[in-house]
Amino acid sequence: MAFNYHRELQAWVVPLLLVGFFAYLMSHSFLSVFEVTADAMFLCFAIDMETNDGTAEKPYFVDQELLTFVSQSNKLTEGRNHRNTRPFQDNEDGTELQPMV
């Protein structure tokens, strides 16, 4: 209906929709490649941690920055899990929601 009453809309709406569609298609393709690359990197990291132990005979092949990042995030996760092991306090529903810290 907008095209029937406003003929000037036809001049720029169709190219705008085409550009928007192709921009979405390109961004989706780029992010899909990025996702597969990140997945492959973390799978290689997991295999390296599983097969090597960091000694002189079997050194880690992973980048030291990634190894430091993962070890720090593991420490944070362990700290969170330690805080969450507190027993739940009973209320009338049976459980109490714990605050997110």
PDB file of N, CA and C in Angstrom:
ATOM      1  N   MET A   1       0.826  -1.184   0.000  1.00  0.00           N
ATOM      2  CA  MET A   1       0.000   0.000   0.000  1.00  0.00           C
ATOM      3  C   MET A   1       0.869   1.245   0.000  1.00  0.00           C
ATOM      4  N   ALA A   2       1.997   1.204   0.698  1.00  0.00           N
ATOM      5  CA  ALA A   2       2.869   2.375   0.732  1.00  0.00           C
ATOM      6  C   ALA A   2       3.415   2.669  -0.654  1.00  0.00           C
ATOM      7  N   PHE A   3       3.682   1.630  -1.448  1.00  0.00           N
ATOM      8  CA  PHE A   3       4.205   1.852  -2.797  1.00  0.00           C
ATOM      9  C   PHE A   3       3.137   2.427  -3.719  1.00  0.00           C
ATOM     10  N   ASN A   4       1.883   2.084  -3.500  1.00  0.00           N
ATOM     11  CA  ASN A   4       0.818   2.607  -4.354  1.00  0.00           C
ATOM     12  C   ASN A   4       0.581   4.095  -4.118  1.00  0.00           C
ATOM     13  N   TYR A   5       0.692   4.540  -2.883  1.00  0.00           N
ATOM     14  CA  TYR A   5       0.401   5.937  -2.574  1.00  0.00           C
ATOM     15  C   TYR A   5       1.633   6.833  -2.664  1.00  0.00           C
ATOM     16  N   HIS A   6       2.821   6.259  -2.482  1.00  0.00           N
ATOM     17  CA  HIS A   6       4.043   7.065  -2.514  1.00  0.00           C
ATOM     18  C   HIS A   6       4.978   6.469  -3.564  1.00  0.00           C
ATOM     19  N   ARG A   7       4.885   6.953  -4.779  1.00  0.00           N
ATOM     20  CA  ARG A   7       5.710   6.417  -5.862  1.00  0.00           C
ATOM     21  C   ARG A   7       7.196   6.709  -5.663  1.00  0.00           C
ATOM     22  N   GLU A   8       7.544   7.742  -4.918  1.00  0.00           N
ATOM     23  CA  GLU A   8       8.954   8.063  -4.713  1.00  0.00           C
ATOM     24  C   GLU A   8       9.653   7.026  -3.820  1.00  0.00           C
ATOM     25  N   LEU A   9       8.893   6.209  -3.075  1.00  0.00           N
ATOM     26  CA  LEU A   9       9.497   5.169  -2.241  1.00  0.00           C
ATOM     27  C   LEU A   9      10.104   4.044  -3.077  1.00  0.00           C
ATOM     28  N   GLN A  10       9.570   3.817  -4.256  1.00  0.00           N
ATOM     29  CA  GLN A  10      10.051   2.715  -5.086  1.00  0.00           C
ATOM     30  C   GLN A  10      11.478   2.938  -5.549  1.00  0.00           C
ATOM     31  N   ALA A  11      11.928   4.162  -5.580  1.00  0.00           N
ATOM     32  CA  ALA A  11      13.255   4.456  -6.111  1.00  0.00           C
ATOM     33  C   ALA A  11      14.375   3.983  -5.178  1.00  0.00           C
ATOM     34  N   TRP A  12      14.176   3.999  -3.867  1.00  0.00           N
ATOM     35  CA  TRP A  12      15.271   3.657  -2.974  1.00  0.00           C
ATOM     36  C   TRP A  12      14.999   2.480  -2.049  1.00  0.00           C
ATOM     37  N   VAL A  13      13.787   1.984  -1.957  1.00  0.00           N
ATOM     38  CA  VAL A  13      13.485   0.895  -1.026  1.00  0.00           C
ATOM     39  C   VAL A  13      14.048  -0.435  -1.513  1.00  0.00           C
ATOM     40  N   VAL A  14      13.887  -0.734  -2.783  1.00  0.00           N
ATOM     41  CA  VAL A  14      14.352  -2.024  -3.309  1.00  0.00           C
ATOM     42  C   VAL A  14      15.874  -2.138  -3.224  1.00  0.00           C
ATOM     43  N   PRO A  15      16.653  -1.134  -3.661  1.00  0.00           N
ATOM     44  CA  PRO A  15      18.113  -1.258  -3.482  1.00  0.00           C
ATOM     45  C   PRO A  15      18.521  -1.332  -2.005  1.00  0.00           C
ATOM     46  N   LEU A  16      17.805  -0.614  -1.150  1.00  0.00           N
ATOM     47  CA  LEU A  16      18.114  -0.678   0.276  1.00  0.00           C
ATOM     48  C   LEU A  16      17.877  -2.077   0.833  1.00  0.00           C
ATOM     49  N   LEU A  17      16.784  -2.704   0.436  1.00  0.00           N
ATOM     50  CA  LEU A  17      16.515  -4.073   0.882  1.00  0.00           C
ATOM     51  C   LEU A  17      17.542  -5.054   0.343  1.00  0.00           C
ATOM     52  N   LEU A  18      17.966  -4.881  -0.900  1.00  0.00           N
ATOM     53  CA  LEU A  18      18.993  -5.754  -1.472  1.00  0.00           C
ATOM     54  C   LEU A  18      20.327  -5.592  -0.752  1.00  0.00           C
ATOM     55  N   VAL A  19      20.712  -4.360  -0.479  1.00  0.00           N
ATOM     56  CA  VAL A  19      21.967  -4.126   0.236  1.00  0.00           C
ATOM     57  C   VAL A  19      21.883  -4.715   1.642  1.00  0.00           C
ATOM     58  N   GLY A  20      20.761  -4.544   2.315  1.00  0.00           N
ATOM     59  CA  GLY A  20      20.587  -5.120   3.647  1.00  0.00           C
ATOM     60  C   GLY A  20      20.674  -6.638   3.634  1.00  0.00           C
ATOM     61  N   PHE A  21      20.061  -7.265   2.630  1.00  0.00           N
ATOM     62  CA  PHE A  21      20.101  -8.722   2.532  1.00  0.00           C
ATOM     63  C   PHE A  21      21.521  -9.220   2.297  1.00  0.00           C
ATOM     64  N   PHE A  22      22.247  -8.587   1.371  1.00  0.00           N
ATOM     65  CA  PHE A  22      23.613  -9.023   1.086  1.00  0.00           C
ATOM     66  C   PHE A  22      24.551  -8.716   2.242  1.00  0.00           C
ATOM     67  N   ALA A  23      24.308  -7.632   2.983  1.00  0.00           N
ATOM     68  CA  ALA A  23      25.123  -7.343   4.161  1.00  0.00           C
ATOM     69  C   ALA A  23      24.907  -8.425   5.221  1.00  0.00           C
ATOM     70  N   TYR A  24      23.661  -8.843   5.406  1.00  0.00           N
ATOM     71  CA  TYR A  24      23.375  -9.918   6.355  1.00  0.00           C
ATOM     72  C   TYR A  24      24.049 -11.212   5.903  1.00  0.00           C
ATOM     73  N   LEU A  25      23.980 -11.515   4.620  1.00  0.00           N
ATOM     74  CA  LEU A  25      24.580 -12.736   4.094  1.00  0.00           C
ATOM     75  C   LEU A  25      26.096 -12.736   4.297  1.00  0.00           C
ATOM     76  N   MET A  26      26.755 -11.613   4.035  1.00  0.00           N
ATOM     77  CA  MET A  26      28.208 -11.535   4.191  1.00  0.00           C
ATOM     78  C   MET A  26      28.613 -11.613   5.662  1.00  0.00           C
ATOM     79  N   SER A  27      27.892 -10.926   6.527  1.00  0.00           N
ATOM     80  CA  SER A  27      28.247 -10.965   7.950  1.00  0.00           C
ATOM     81  C   SER A  27      28.009 -12.363   8.531  1.00  0.00           C
ATOM     82  N   HIS A  28      26.946 -13.015   8.105  1.00  0.00           N
ATOM     83  CA  HIS A  28      26.691 -14.378   8.564  1.00  0.00           C
ATOM     84  C   HIS A  28      27.798 -15.322   8.102  1.00  0.00           C
ATOM     85  N   SER A  29      28.240 -15.177   6.855  1.00  0.00           N
ATOM     86  CA  SER A  29      29.316 -16.025   6.335  1.00  0.00           C
ATOM     87  C   SER A  29      30.612 -15.781   7.096  1.00  0.00           C
ATOM     88  N   PHE A  30      30.947 -14.522   7.343  1.00  0.00           N
ATOM     89  CA  PHE A  30      32.175 -14.201   8.063  1.00  0.00           C
ATOM     90  C   PHE A  30      32.137 -14.766   9.477  1.00  0.00           C
ATOM     91  N   LEU A  31      31.039 -14.589  10.178  1.00  0.00           N
ATOM     92  CA  LEU A  31      30.953 -15.088  11.544  1.00  0.00           C
ATOM     93  C   LEU A  31      30.935 -16.606  11.600  1.00  0.00           C
ATOM     94  N   SER A  32      30.411 -17.251  10.578  1.00  0.00           N
ATOM     95  CA  SER A  32      30.449 -18.719  10.533  1.00  0.00           C
ATOM     96  C   SER A  32      31.882 -19.213  10.396  1.00  0.00           C
ATOM     97  N   VAL A  33      32.673 -18.566   9.542  1.00  0.00           N
ATOM     98  CA  VAL A  33      34.082 -18.945   9.389  1.00  0.00           C
ATOM     99  C   VAL A  33      34.836 -18.679  10.685  1.00  0.00           C
ATOM    100  N   PHE A  34      34.556 -17.558  11.340  1.00  0.00           N
ATOM    101  CA  PHE A  34      35.198 -17.236  12.611  1.00  0.00           C
ATOM    102  C   PHE A  34      34.861 -18.274  13.676  1.00  0.00           C
ATOM    103  N   GLU A  35      33.603 -18.710  13.714  1.00  0.00           N
ATOM    104  CA  GLU A  35      33.172 -19.705  14.690  1.00  0.00           C
ATOM    105  C   GLU A  35      33.876 -21.044  14.470  1.00  0.00           C
ATOM    106  N   VAL A  36      33.987 -21.466  13.229  1.00  0.00           N
ATOM    107  CA  VAL A  36      34.654 -22.738  12.927  1.00  0.00           C
ATOM    108  C   VAL A  36      36.135 -22.648  13.284  1.00  0.00           C
ATOM    109  N   THR A  37      36.752 -21.498  13.023  1.00  0.00           N
ATOM    110  CA  THR A  37      38.166 -21.318  13.358  1.00  0.00           C
ATOM    111  C   THR A  37      38.380 -21.374  14.863  1.00  0.00           C
ATOM    112  N   ALA A  38      37.529 -20.705  15.626  1.00  0.00           N
ATOM    113  CA  ALA A  38      37.661 -20.734  17.085  1.00  0.00           C
ATOM    114  C   ALA A  38      37.432 -22.147  17.620  1.00  0.00           C
ATOM    115  N   ASP A  39      36.460 -22.862  17.085  1.00  0.00           N
ATOM    116  CA  ASP A  39      36.215 -24.243  17.512  1.00  0.00           C
ATOM    117  C   ASP A  39      37.420 -25.132  17.228  1.00  0.00           C
ATOM    118  N   ALA A  40      38.008 -24.986  16.049  1.00  0.00           N
ATOM    119  CA  ALA A  40      39.170 -25.796  15.693  1.00  0.00           C
ATOM    120  C   ALA A  40      40.357 -25.474  16.598  1.00  0.00           C
ATOM    121  N   MET A  41      40.527 -24.197  16.938  1.00  0.00           N
ATOM    122  CA  MET A  41      41.630 -23.813  17.814  1.00  0.00           C
ATOM    123  C   MET A  41      41.467 -24.433  19.204  1.00  0.00           C
ATOM    124  N   PHE A  42      40.259 -24.400  19.748  1.00  0.00           N
ATOM    125  CA  PHE A  42      40.055 -24.981  21.083  1.00  0.00           C
ATOM    126  C   PHE A  42      40.109 -26.505  21.054  1.00  0.00           C
ATOM    127  N   LEU A  43      39.716 -27.132  19.954  1.00  0.00           N
ATOM    128  CA  LEU A  43      39.871 -28.585  19.850  1.00  0.00           C
ATOM    129  C   LEU A  43      41.346 -28.968  19.801  1.00  0.00           C
ATOM    130  N   CYS A  44      42.148 -28.211  19.050  1.00  0.00           N
ATOM    131  CA  CYS A  44      43.591 -28.479  19.014  1.00  0.00           C
ATOM    132  C   CYS A  44      44.208 -28.266  20.397  1.00  0.00           C
ATOM    133  N   PHE A  45      43.731 -27.247  21.116  1.00  0.00           N
ATOM    134  CA  PHE A  45      44.207 -27.004  22.477  1.00  0.00           C
ATOM    135  C   PHE A  45      43.883 -28.197  23.377  1.00  0.00           C
ATOM    136  N   ALA A  46      42.669 -28.710  23.276  1.00  0.00           N
ATOM    137  CA  ALA A  46      42.267 -29.839  24.115  1.00  0.00           C
ATOM    138  C   ALA A  46      43.086 -31.086  23.802  1.00  0.00           C
ATOM    139  N   ILE A  47      43.344 -31.338  22.529  1.00  0.00           N
ATOM    140  CA  ILE A  47      44.141 -32.504  22.146  1.00  0.00           C
ATOM    141  C   ILE A  47      45.581 -32.349  22.625  1.00  0.00           C
ATOM    142  N   ASP A  48      46.115 -31.113  22.542  1.00  0.00           N
ATOM    143  CA  ASP A  48      47.473 -30.868  23.020  1.00  0.00           C
ATOM    144  C   ASP A  48      47.567 -31.095  24.523  1.00  0.00           C
ATOM    145  N   MET A  49      46.570 -30.663  25.271  1.00  0.00           N
ATOM    146  CA  MET A  49      46.581 -30.873  26.722  1.00  0.00           C
ATOM    147  C   MET A  49      46.440 -32.349  27.067  1.00  0.00           C
ATOM    148  N   GLU A  50      45.700 -33.085  26.231  1.00  0.00           N
ATOM    149  CA  GLU A  50      45.480 -34.505  26.497  1.00  0.00           C
ATOM    150  C   GLU A  50      46.707 -35.349  26.170  1.00  0.00           C
ATOM    151  N   THR A  51      47.413 -35.022  25.107  1.00  0.00           N
ATOM    152  CA  THR A  51      48.528 -35.869  24.663  1.00  0.00           C
ATOM    153  C   THR A  51      49.869 -35.461  25.244  1.00  0.00           C
ATOM    154  N   ASN A  52      50.053 -34.196  25.611  1.00  0.00           N
ATOM    155  CA  ASN A  52      51.332 -33.723  26.140  1.00  0.00           C
ATOM    156  C   ASN A  52      51.176 -33.346  27.605  1.00  0.00           C
ATOM    157  N   ASP A  53      52.321 -33.423  28.333  1.00  0.00           N
ATOM    158  CA  ASP A  53      52.263 -33.098  29.754  1.00  0.00           C
ATOM    159  C   ASP A  53      53.141 -31.917  30.141  1.00  0.00           C
ATOM    160  N   GLY A  54      53.789 -31.261  29.200  1.00  0.00           N
ATOM    161  CA  GLY A  54      54.594 -30.074  29.480  1.00  0.00           C
ATOM    162  C   GLY A  54      56.019 -30.370  29.890  1.00  0.00           C
ATOM    163  N   THR A  55      56.432 -31.617  29.896  1.00  0.00           N
ATOM    164  CA  THR A  55      57.813 -31.951  30.238  1.00  0.00           C
ATOM    165  C   THR A  55      58.696 -31.744  29.019  1.00  0.00           C
ATOM    166  N   ALA A  56      60.008 -31.974  29.200  1.00  0.00           N
ATOM    167  CA  ALA A  56      60.950 -31.791  28.095  1.00  0.00           C
ATOM    168  C   ALA A  56      60.719 -32.826  26.988  1.00  0.00           C
ATOM    169  N   GLU A  57      60.252 -34.023  27.355  1.00  0.00           N
ATOM    170  CA  GLU A  57      59.993 -35.053  26.351  1.00  0.00           C
ATOM    171  C   GLU A  57      58.707 -34.778  25.576  1.00  0.00           C
ATOM    172  N   LYS A  58      57.703 -34.252  26.264  1.00  0.00           N
ATOM    173  CA  LYS A  58      56.406 -33.960  25.643  1.00  0.00           C
ATOM    174  C   LYS A  58      55.991 -32.525  25.961  1.00  0.00           C
ATOM    175  N   PRO A  59      56.585 -31.544  25.282  1.00  0.00           N
ATOM    176  CA  PRO A  59      56.227 -30.149  25.593  1.00  0.00           C
ATOM    177  C   PRO A  59      54.869 -29.782  24.999  1.00  0.00           C
ATOM    178  N   TYR A  60      54.256 -28.758  25.597  1.00  0.00           N
ATOM    179  CA  TYR A  60      53.014 -28.229  25.043  1.00  0.00           C
ATOM    180  C   TYR A  60      53.335 -27.442  23.773  1.00  0.00           C
ATOM    181  N   PHE A  61      52.492 -27.575  22.765  1.00  0.00           N
ATOM    182  CA  PHE A  61      52.653 -26.814  21.534  1.00  0.00           C
ATOM    183  C   PHE A  61      51.728 -25.606  21.487  1.00  0.00           C
ATOM    184  N   VAL A  62      50.934 -25.427  22.514  1.00  0.00           N
ATOM    185  CA  VAL A  62      49.975 -24.339  22.568  1.00  0.00           C
ATOM    186  C   VAL A  62      50.707 -23.029  22.891  1.00  0.00           C
ATOM    187  N   ASP A  63      50.135 -21.924  22.439  1.00  0.00           N
ATOM    188  CA  ASP A  63      50.676 -20.611  22.736  1.00  0.00           C
ATOM    189  C   ASP A  63      50.595 -20.357  24.247  1.00  0.00           C
ATOM    190  N   GLN A  64      51.626 -19.758  24.802  1.00  0.00           N
ATOM    191  CA  GLN A  64      51.667 -19.553  26.253  1.00  0.00           C
ATOM    192  C   GLN A  64      50.591 -18.587  26.733  1.00  0.00           C
ATOM    193  N   GLU A  65      50.218 -17.614  25.917  1.00  0.00           N
ATOM    194  CA  GLU A  65      49.158 -16.682  26.310  1.00  0.00           C
ATOM    195  C   GLU A  65      47.819 -17.407  26.442  1.00  0.00           C
ATOM    196  N   LEU A  66      47.531 -18.313  25.506  1.00  0.00           N
ATOM    197  CA  LEU A  66      46.290 -19.084  25.589  1.00  0.00           C
ATOM    198  C   LEU A  66      46.317 -20.011  26.795  1.00  0.00           C
ATOM    199  N   LEU A  67      47.461 -20.623  27.067  1.00  0.00           N
ATOM    200  CA  LEU A  67      47.583 -21.500  28.226  1.00  0.00           C
ATOM    201  C   LEU A  67      47.379 -20.723  29.522  1.00  0.00           C
ATOM    202  N   THR A  68      47.929 -19.516  29.609  1.00  0.00           N
ATOM    203  CA  THR A  68      47.750 -18.679  30.796  1.00  0.00           C
ATOM    204  C   THR A  68      46.290 -18.270  30.946  1.00  0.00           C
ATOM    205  N   PHE A  69      45.652 -17.888  29.837  1.00  0.00           N
ATOM    206  CA  PHE A  69      44.252 -17.482  29.880  1.00  0.00           C
ATOM    207  C   PHE A  69      43.356 -18.615  30.366  1.00  0.00           C
ATOM    208  N   VAL A  70      43.572 -19.816  29.846  1.00  0.00           N
ATOM    209  CA  VAL A  70      42.737 -20.959  30.235  1.00  0.00           C
ATOM    210  C   VAL A  70      42.982 -21.332  31.690  1.00  0.00           C
ATOM    211  N   SER A  71      44.225 -21.277  32.139  1.00  0.00           N
ATOM    212  CA  SER A  71      44.492 -21.620  33.542  1.00  0.00           C
ATOM    213  C   SER A  71      43.878 -20.584  34.480  1.00  0.00           C
ATOM    214  N   GLN A  72      43.896 -19.300  34.109  1.00  0.00           N
ATOM    215  CA  GLN A  72      43.263 -18.279  34.944  1.00  0.00           C
ATOM    216  C   GLN A  72      41.747 -18.455  34.977  1.00  0.00           C
ATOM    217  N   SER A  73      41.150 -18.776  33.824  1.00  0.00           N
ATOM    218  CA  SER A  73      39.706 -18.980  33.809  1.00  0.00           C
ATOM    219  C   SER A  73      39.328 -20.239  34.578  1.00  0.00           C
ATOM    220  N   ASN A  74      40.197 -21.250  34.595  1.00  0.00           N
ATOM    221  CA  ASN A  74      39.936 -22.442  35.413  1.00  0.00           C
ATOM    222  C   ASN A  74      39.962 -22.101  36.891  1.00  0.00           C
ATOM    223  N   LYS A  75      40.887 -21.219  37.305  1.00  0.00           N
ATOM    224  CA  LYS A  75      40.939 -20.811  38.706  1.00  0.00           C
ATOM    225  C   LYS A  75      39.663 -20.072  39.091  1.00  0.00           C
ATOM    226  N   LEU A  76      39.179 -19.204  38.196  1.00  0.00           N
ATOM    227  CA  LEU A  76      37.937 -18.488  38.477  1.00  0.00           C
ATOM    228  C   LEU A  76      36.758 -19.447  38.580  1.00  0.00           C
ATOM    229  N   THR A  77      36.717 -20.426  37.684  1.00  0.00           N
ATOM    230  CA  THR A  77      35.629 -21.400  37.697  1.00  0.00           C
ATOM    231  C   THR A  77      35.670 -22.244  38.969  1.00  0.00           C
ATOM    232  N   GLU A  78      36.866 -22.645  39.381  1.00  0.00           N
ATOM    233  CA  GLU A  78      36.981 -23.428  40.614  1.00  0.00           C
ATOM    234  C   GLU A  78      36.531 -22.610  41.817  1.00  0.00           C
ATOM    235  N   GLY A  79      36.859 -21.317  41.834  1.00  0.00           N
ATOM    236  CA  GLY A  79      36.417 -20.462  42.933  1.00  0.00           C
ATOM    237  C   GLY A  79      34.911 -20.327  42.966  1.00  0.00           C
ATOM    238  N   ARG A  80      34.292 -20.193  41.794  1.00  0.00           N
ATOM    239  CA  ARG A  80      32.831 -20.126  41.725  1.00  0.00           C
ATOM    240  C   ARG A  80      32.208 -21.431  42.186  1.00  0.00           C
ATOM    241  N   ASN A  81      32.760 -22.549  41.747  1.00  0.00           N
ATOM    242  CA  ASN A  81      32.217 -23.852  42.153  1.00  0.00           C
ATOM    243  C   ASN A  81      32.372 -24.057  43.656  1.00  0.00           C
ATOM    244  N   HIS A  82      33.465 -23.573  44.214  1.00  0.00           N
ATOM    245  CA  HIS A  82      33.667 -23.711  45.658  1.00  0.00           C
ATOM    246  C   HIS A  82      32.629 -22.907  46.421  1.00  0.00           C
ATOM    247  N   ARG A  83      32.292 -21.711  45.929  1.00  0.00           N
ATOM    248  CA  ARG A  83      31.269 -20.900  46.592  1.00  0.00           C
ATOM    249  C   ARG A  83      29.893 -21.538  46.447  1.00  0.00           C
ATOM    250  N   ASN A  84      29.658 -22.218  45.335  1.00  0.00           N
ATOM    251  CA  ASN A  84      28.343 -22.801  45.089  1.00  0.00           C
ATOM    252  C   ASN A  84      28.135 -24.136  45.796  1.00  0.00           C
ATOM    253  N   THR A  85      29.147 -24.666  46.467  1.00  0.00           N
ATOM    254  CA  THR A  85      28.981 -25.954  47.144  1.00  0.00           C
ATOM    255  C   THR A  85      28.347 -25.793  48.522  1.00  0.00           C
ATOM    256  N   ARG A  86      28.052 -24.556  48.917  1.00  0.00           N
ATOM    257  CA  ARG A  86      27.351 -24.355  50.189  1.00  0.00           C
ATOM    258  C   ARG A  86      26.003 -25.059  50.118  1.00  0.00           C
ATOM    259  N   PRO A  87      25.588 -25.671  51.202  1.00  0.00           N
ATOM    260  CA  PRO A  87      24.278 -26.331  51.160  1.00  0.00           C
ATOM    261  C   PRO A  87      23.167 -25.300  51.029  1.00  0.00           C
ATOM    262  N   PHE A  88      22.138 -25.681  50.307  1.00  0.00           N
ATOM    263  CA  PHE A  88      20.987 -24.802  50.153  1.00  0.00           C
ATOM    264  C   PHE A  88      20.257 -24.684  51.477  1.00  0.00           C
ATOM    265  N   GLN A  89      19.802 -23.483  51.750  1.00  0.00           N
ATOM    266  CA  GLN A  89      19.015 -23.281  52.942  1.00  0.00           C
ATOM    267  C   GLN A  89      17.552 -23.471  52.573  1.00  0.00           C
ATOM    268  N   ASP A  90      16.857 -24.203  53.415  1.00  0.00           N
ATOM    269  CA  ASP A  90      15.454 -24.494  53.105  1.00  0.00           C
ATOM    270  C   ASP A  90      14.573 -23.292  53.418  1.00  0.00           C
ATOM    271  N   ASN A  91      13.619 -23.071  52.552  1.00  0.00           N
ATOM    272  CA  ASN A  91      12.553 -22.116  52.824  1.00  0.00           C
ATOM    273  C   ASN A  91      11.255 -22.835  52.525  1.00  0.00           C
ATOM    274  N   GLU A  92      10.184 -22.108  52.403  1.00  0.00           N
ATOM    275  CA  GLU A  92       8.900 -22.787  52.226  1.00  0.00           C
ATOM    276  C   GLU A  92       8.817 -23.557  50.909  1.00  0.00           C
ATOM    277  N   ASP A  93       9.592 -23.170  49.875  1.00  0.00           N
ATOM    278  CA  ASP A  93       9.568 -23.897  48.603  1.00  0.00           C
ATOM    279  C   ASP A  93      10.582 -25.027  48.562  1.00  0.00           C
ATOM    280  N   GLY A  94      11.490 -25.066  49.505  1.00  0.00           N
ATOM    281  CA  GLY A  94      12.467 -26.140  49.529  1.00  0.00           C
ATOM    282  C   GLY A  94      13.855 -25.691  49.133  1.00  0.00           C
ATOM    283  N   THR A  95      14.000 -24.629  48.344  1.00  0.00           N
ATOM    284  CA  THR A  95      15.317 -24.130  47.971  1.00  0.00           C
ATOM    285  C   THR A  95      15.311 -22.611  48.049  1.00  0.00           C
ATOM    286  N   GLU A  96      16.498 -22.056  48.154  1.00  0.00           N
ATOM    287  CA  GLU A  96      16.638 -20.602  48.193  1.00  0.00           C
ATOM    288  C   GLU A  96      17.567 -20.191  47.067  1.00  0.00           C
ATOM    289  N   LEU A  97      17.220 -19.155  46.364  1.00  0.00           N
ATOM    290  CA  LEU A  97      18.061 -18.653  45.295  1.00  0.00           C
ATOM    291  C   LEU A  97      19.276 -17.967  45.901  1.00  0.00           C
ATOM    292  N   GLN A  98      20.458 -18.295  45.389  1.00  0.00           N
ATOM    293  CA  GLN A  98      21.679 -17.684  45.870  1.00  0.00           C
ATOM    294  C   GLN A  98      21.990 -16.468  44.988  1.00  0.00           C
ATOM    295  N   PRO A  99      22.547 -15.388  45.559  1.00  0.00           N
ATOM    296  CA  PRO A  99      22.882 -14.219  44.744  1.00  0.00           C
ATOM    297  C   PRO A  99      24.030 -14.530  43.805  1.00  0.00           C
ATOM    298  N   MET A 100      23.979 -13.952  42.621  1.00  0.00           N
ATOM    299  CA  MET A 100      25.054 -14.109  41.646  1.00  0.00           C
ATOM    300  C   MET A 100      26.143 -13.097  41.969  1.00  0.00           C
ATOM    301  N   VAL A 101      27.371 -13.578  42.126  1.00  0.00           N
ATOM    302  CA  VAL A 101      28.474 -12.686  42.493  1.00  0.00           C
ATOM    303  C   VAL A 101      29.459 -12.614  41.385  1.00  0.00           C
TER     304      VAL A 101
END
